[in-house]
Amino acid sequence: MRRRLDGPLTPPVSDFSVMSGRGWGREERLRRFEAWITSVHGEVIHTPRADWTRVLARVLADKGIRRLALGRAHPVAAEARAALAEAGVTLVDADRPVEAWWETLFHEVEAGLTSTAGGVAETGSLWLWPTPDEPRLLSLVPPIHIAVLDAEAVEDTLFEVMERHGWAAGMPTNALLISGPSKTADIEQTLAYGVHGPRELVVLLRH
């Protein structure tokens, strides 16, 4: 193919306008994000930024969560650790090789807390870039995933997220797009939740 008789192929001009240009305002983005993610059993809890750790503590108490896995370095993890220090919740360190805590992770941890890099209004999705401080297993293994999302980080489309944040210039080994709790319809085409991962997704949406 490199020695085509009529010369090299010229790539066609790509029109990406169908993937962007929604023009939604902030409130419309948030409305669409919440509508889509709750339509597949995601739970969105609005919270003032200054008060989000109190809301987190209430969610843990309401759901009976006593063992919470989280990182250390990210500000979300650091604030949560400080707020929960006297809350009677066992904080499980996630910033270590999985071999050192896999039994605790798979059999004892009741929820995982993560930050998010942003959200996509068009699909009701969160996007996460895992790090050694917040490994991907933190959002994929525990029965409940609690994700902290800033309202201003919700953008119209995935295309605009990829462009604005320079995904082409460098991506992590795993970029996670999360649009609700784990679900599958492999068995008799019946949709079931929580089969291969978290049965609940709770989004703390900070304003």
Protein backbone atom coordinates (compact mmCIF):
# COMPACT_ATOMS: atom_id res chain seq x y z
CA MET A 1 0.00 0.00 0.00
CA ARG A 2 2.97 2.30 0.59
CA ARG A 3 3.88 1.99 -3.11
CA ARG A 4 0.49 2.90 -4.59
CA LEU A 5 0.77 3.63 -8.31
CA ASP A 6 -1.36 6.77 -8.06
CA GLY A 7 0.52 8.25 -5.10
CA PRO A 8 -0.11 8.30 -1.33
CA LEU A 9 -3.57 8.44 0.13
CA THR A 10 -4.80 11.83 1.30
CA PRO A 11 -6.81 11.64 4.53
CA PRO A 12 -10.28 13.14 4.21
CA VAL A 13 -11.17 16.34 6.00
CA SER A 14 -12.89 15.42 9.24
CA ASP A 15 -15.90 17.35 10.47
CA PHE A 16 -16.13 17.05 14.23
CA SER A 17 -18.99 19.52 14.59
CA VAL A 18 -21.47 16.68 15.18
CA MET A 19 -19.49 15.80 18.32
CA SER A 20 -19.35 19.30 19.82
CA GLY A 21 -20.99 22.71 19.65
CA ARG A 22 -23.91 21.99 21.97
CA GLY A 23 -23.74 25.46 23.44
CA TRP A 24 -25.31 24.52 26.77
CA GLY A 25 -25.05 26.84 29.75
CA ARG A 26 -23.92 25.72 33.19
CA GLU A 27 -27.38 24.90 34.53
CA GLU A 28 -28.36 22.99 31.41
CA ARG A 29 -25.14 20.96 31.57
CA LEU A 30 -25.82 20.01 35.18
CA ARG A 31 -29.45 19.18 34.45
CA ARG A 32 -28.51 16.88 31.59
CA PHE A 33 -25.68 15.24 33.51
CA GLU A 34 -27.94 14.45 36.46
CA ALA A 35 -30.82 13.26 34.29
CA TRP A 36 -28.66 10.77 32.40
CA ILE A 37 -26.65 9.38 35.30
CA THR A 38 -29.72 8.93 37.51
CA SER A 39 -31.56 7.21 34.66
CA VAL A 40 -29.16 4.26 35.11
CA HIS A 41 -29.38 4.17 38.94
CA GLY A 42 -26.63 6.66 39.73
CA GLU A 43 -27.33 8.88 42.75
CA VAL A 44 -26.47 12.59 42.71
CA ILE A 45 -26.28 14.57 45.94
CA HIS A 46 -25.78 18.32 45.67
CA THR A 47 -23.59 19.90 48.31
CA PRO A 48 -21.97 23.28 48.96
CA ARG A 49 -18.22 23.01 48.41
CA ALA A 50 -17.48 24.22 51.93
CA ASP A 51 -19.76 21.60 53.49
CA TRP A 52 -19.14 18.53 51.34
CA THR A 53 -17.33 16.47 54.00
CA ARG A 54 -20.31 16.80 56.34
CA VAL A 55 -22.52 15.49 53.53
CA LEU A 56 -20.04 12.66 52.98
CA ALA A 57 -20.24 11.69 56.66
CA ARG A 58 -24.03 11.66 56.44
CA VAL A 59 -23.94 9.40 53.34
CA LEU A 60 -21.61 6.97 55.12
CA ALA A 61 -23.89 6.89 58.15
CA ASP A 62 -27.09 6.49 56.10
CA LYS A 63 -25.61 3.58 54.14
CA GLY A 64 -23.97 1.94 57.15
CA ILE A 65 -20.46 2.25 55.73
CA ARG A 66 -17.77 1.59 58.35
CA ARG A 67 -14.77 0.76 56.16
CA LEU A 68 -13.91 3.33 53.50
CA ALA A 69 -10.98 3.02 51.09
CA LEU A 70 -9.38 6.23 49.82
CA GLY A 71 -6.11 7.82 48.81
CA ARG A 72 -3.96 10.30 50.70
CA ALA A 73 -2.39 12.90 48.41
CA HIS A 74 -5.38 14.28 46.49
CA PRO A 75 -7.14 17.19 48.25
CA VAL A 76 -10.44 15.27 48.20
CA ALA A 77 -8.86 12.38 50.11
CA ALA A 78 -6.98 14.68 52.48
CA GLU A 79 -10.11 16.68 53.36
CA ALA A 80 -12.14 13.50 53.83
CA ARG A 81 -9.51 12.00 56.13
CA ALA A 82 -9.44 15.10 58.31
CA ALA A 83 -13.23 15.27 58.55
CA LEU A 84 -13.70 11.55 59.29
CA ALA A 85 -10.91 11.20 61.82
CA GLU A 86 -13.39 11.06 64.71
CA ALA A 87 -16.40 9.67 62.83
CA GLY A 88 -15.96 6.02 63.75
CA VAL A 89 -15.14 5.04 60.16
CA THR A 90 -12.11 2.85 59.43
CA LEU A 91 -10.07 4.54 56.69
CA VAL A 92 -8.29 2.02 54.46
CA ASP A 93 -5.21 3.24 52.57
CA ALA A 94 -5.43 2.78 48.81
CA ASP A 95 -2.01 4.20 47.92
CA ARG A 96 -0.11 0.91 48.04
CA PRO A 97 0.40 -2.18 45.89
CA VAL A 98 -2.79 -4.21 45.65
CA GLU A 99 -0.89 -7.30 46.82
CA ALA A 100 -0.55 -5.66 50.23
CA TRP A 101 -4.29 -5.26 50.78
CA TRP A 102 -6.21 -7.28 48.21
CA GLU A 103 -8.03 -9.38 50.82
CA THR A 104 -9.19 -6.26 52.65
CA LEU A 105 -10.17 -4.62 49.36
CA PHE A 106 -12.22 -7.53 48.05
CA HIS A 107 -13.74 -8.80 51.30
CA GLU A 108 -13.86 -6.01 53.90
CA VAL A 109 -14.02 -2.56 52.29
CA GLU A 110 -17.60 -1.33 51.97
CA ALA A 111 -17.01 1.74 49.80
CA GLY A 112 -14.34 3.54 47.83
CA LEU A 113 -14.00 7.33 47.68
CA THR A 114 -12.42 9.01 44.65
CA SER A 115 -12.01 12.42 43.13
CA THR A 116 -13.03 12.94 39.50
CA ALA A 117 -11.40 14.89 36.72
CA GLY A 118 -14.77 16.01 35.37
CA GLY A 119 -18.11 15.03 33.91
CA VAL A 120 -19.83 14.80 30.52
CA ALA A 121 -23.32 16.30 30.29
CA GLU A 122 -24.30 14.60 27.04
CA THR A 123 -23.91 11.08 28.42
CA GLY A 124 -24.09 11.57 32.18
CA SER A 125 -20.56 10.27 32.64
CA LEU A 126 -17.72 10.85 35.07
CA TRP A 127 -14.16 10.70 33.85
CA LEU A 128 -11.28 9.63 36.08
CA TRP A 129 -7.56 9.36 35.50
CA PRO A 130 -6.30 6.78 38.02
CA THR A 131 -3.05 7.47 39.85
CA PRO A 132 -0.94 5.52 42.37
CA ASP A 133 -2.76 7.54 45.05
CA GLU A 134 -6.20 6.67 43.62
CA PRO A 135 -5.79 3.41 41.68
CA ARG A 136 -8.57 2.24 39.37
CA LEU A 137 -9.52 -0.61 41.72
CA LEU A 138 -10.72 2.02 44.18
CA SER A 139 -13.69 2.78 41.91
CA LEU A 140 -14.16 -0.68 40.41
CA VAL A 141 -14.08 -3.15 43.32
CA PRO A 142 -15.89 -1.85 46.47
CA PRO A 143 -19.67 -2.38 46.56
CA ILE A 144 -20.26 1.38 46.70
CA HIS A 145 -18.32 4.03 44.76
CA ILE A 146 -18.53 7.58 46.11
CA ALA A 147 -17.22 10.12 43.59
CA VAL A 148 -16.66 13.82 44.24
CA LEU A 149 -17.40 16.04 41.23
CA ASP A 150 -17.08 19.82 40.94
CA ALA A 151 -20.00 21.44 39.11
CA GLU A 152 -17.71 23.62 36.98
CA ALA A 153 -15.89 20.51 35.73
CA VAL A 154 -18.95 19.20 33.86
CA GLU A 155 -18.55 19.84 30.13
CA ASP A 156 -20.90 19.37 27.18
CA THR A 157 -19.42 16.41 25.30
CA LEU A 158 -16.64 13.85 25.53
CA PHE A 159 -15.03 15.34 22.43
CA GLU A 160 -14.74 18.72 24.12
CA VAL A 161 -13.28 17.08 27.24
CA MET A 162 -10.65 15.32 25.14
CA GLU A 163 -9.73 18.50 23.27
CA ARG A 164 -9.76 20.89 26.20
CA HIS A 165 -7.68 18.64 28.44
CA GLY A 166 -5.22 17.50 25.78
CA TRP A 167 -5.87 13.77 25.91
CA ALA A 168 -3.95 13.26 22.65
CA ALA A 169 -0.79 14.65 24.24
CA GLY A 170 -0.69 12.09 27.00
CA MET A 171 -3.13 9.67 28.61
CA PRO A 172 -2.76 7.42 31.65
CA THR A 173 -2.68 3.66 31.28
CA ASN A 174 -6.39 3.66 32.08
CA ALA A 175 -8.84 6.50 31.56
CA LEU A 176 -12.14 5.59 33.22
CA LEU A 177 -15.55 6.70 31.97
CA ILE A 178 -18.23 5.89 34.54
CA SER A 179 -21.91 6.32 33.70
CA GLY A 180 -23.56 4.55 36.62
CA PRO A 181 -23.09 1.50 38.83
CA SER A 182 -21.90 -1.78 37.34
CA LYS A 183 -24.49 -3.43 35.09
CA THR A 184 -24.82 -6.28 32.62
CA ALA A 185 -27.52 -7.95 30.54
CA ASP A 186 -25.53 -11.07 29.62
CA ILE A 187 -28.01 -13.46 31.24
CA GLU A 188 -31.29 -13.77 29.33
CA GLN A 189 -31.03 -10.10 28.31
CA THR A 190 -32.13 -9.09 31.81
CA LEU A 191 -30.38 -5.96 33.10
CA ALA A 192 -28.73 -6.58 36.46
CA TYR A 193 -26.73 -4.12 38.57
CA GLY A 194 -23.65 -4.71 40.70
CA VAL A 195 -22.56 -7.95 39.04
CA HIS A 196 -19.00 -7.03 38.01
CA GLY A 197 -18.35 -4.00 40.20
CA PRO A 198 -20.05 -1.42 42.43
CA ARG A 199 -23.77 -1.92 42.94
CA GLU A 200 -24.13 1.76 43.87
CA LEU A 201 -22.63 4.98 42.52
CA VAL A 202 -23.01 8.11 44.63
CA VAL A 203 -21.89 11.42 43.11
CA LEU A 204 -21.29 14.30 45.52
CA LEU A 205 -21.76 17.28 43.22
CA ARG A 206 -20.00 20.28 44.74
CA HIS A 207 -21.23 23.79 43.87
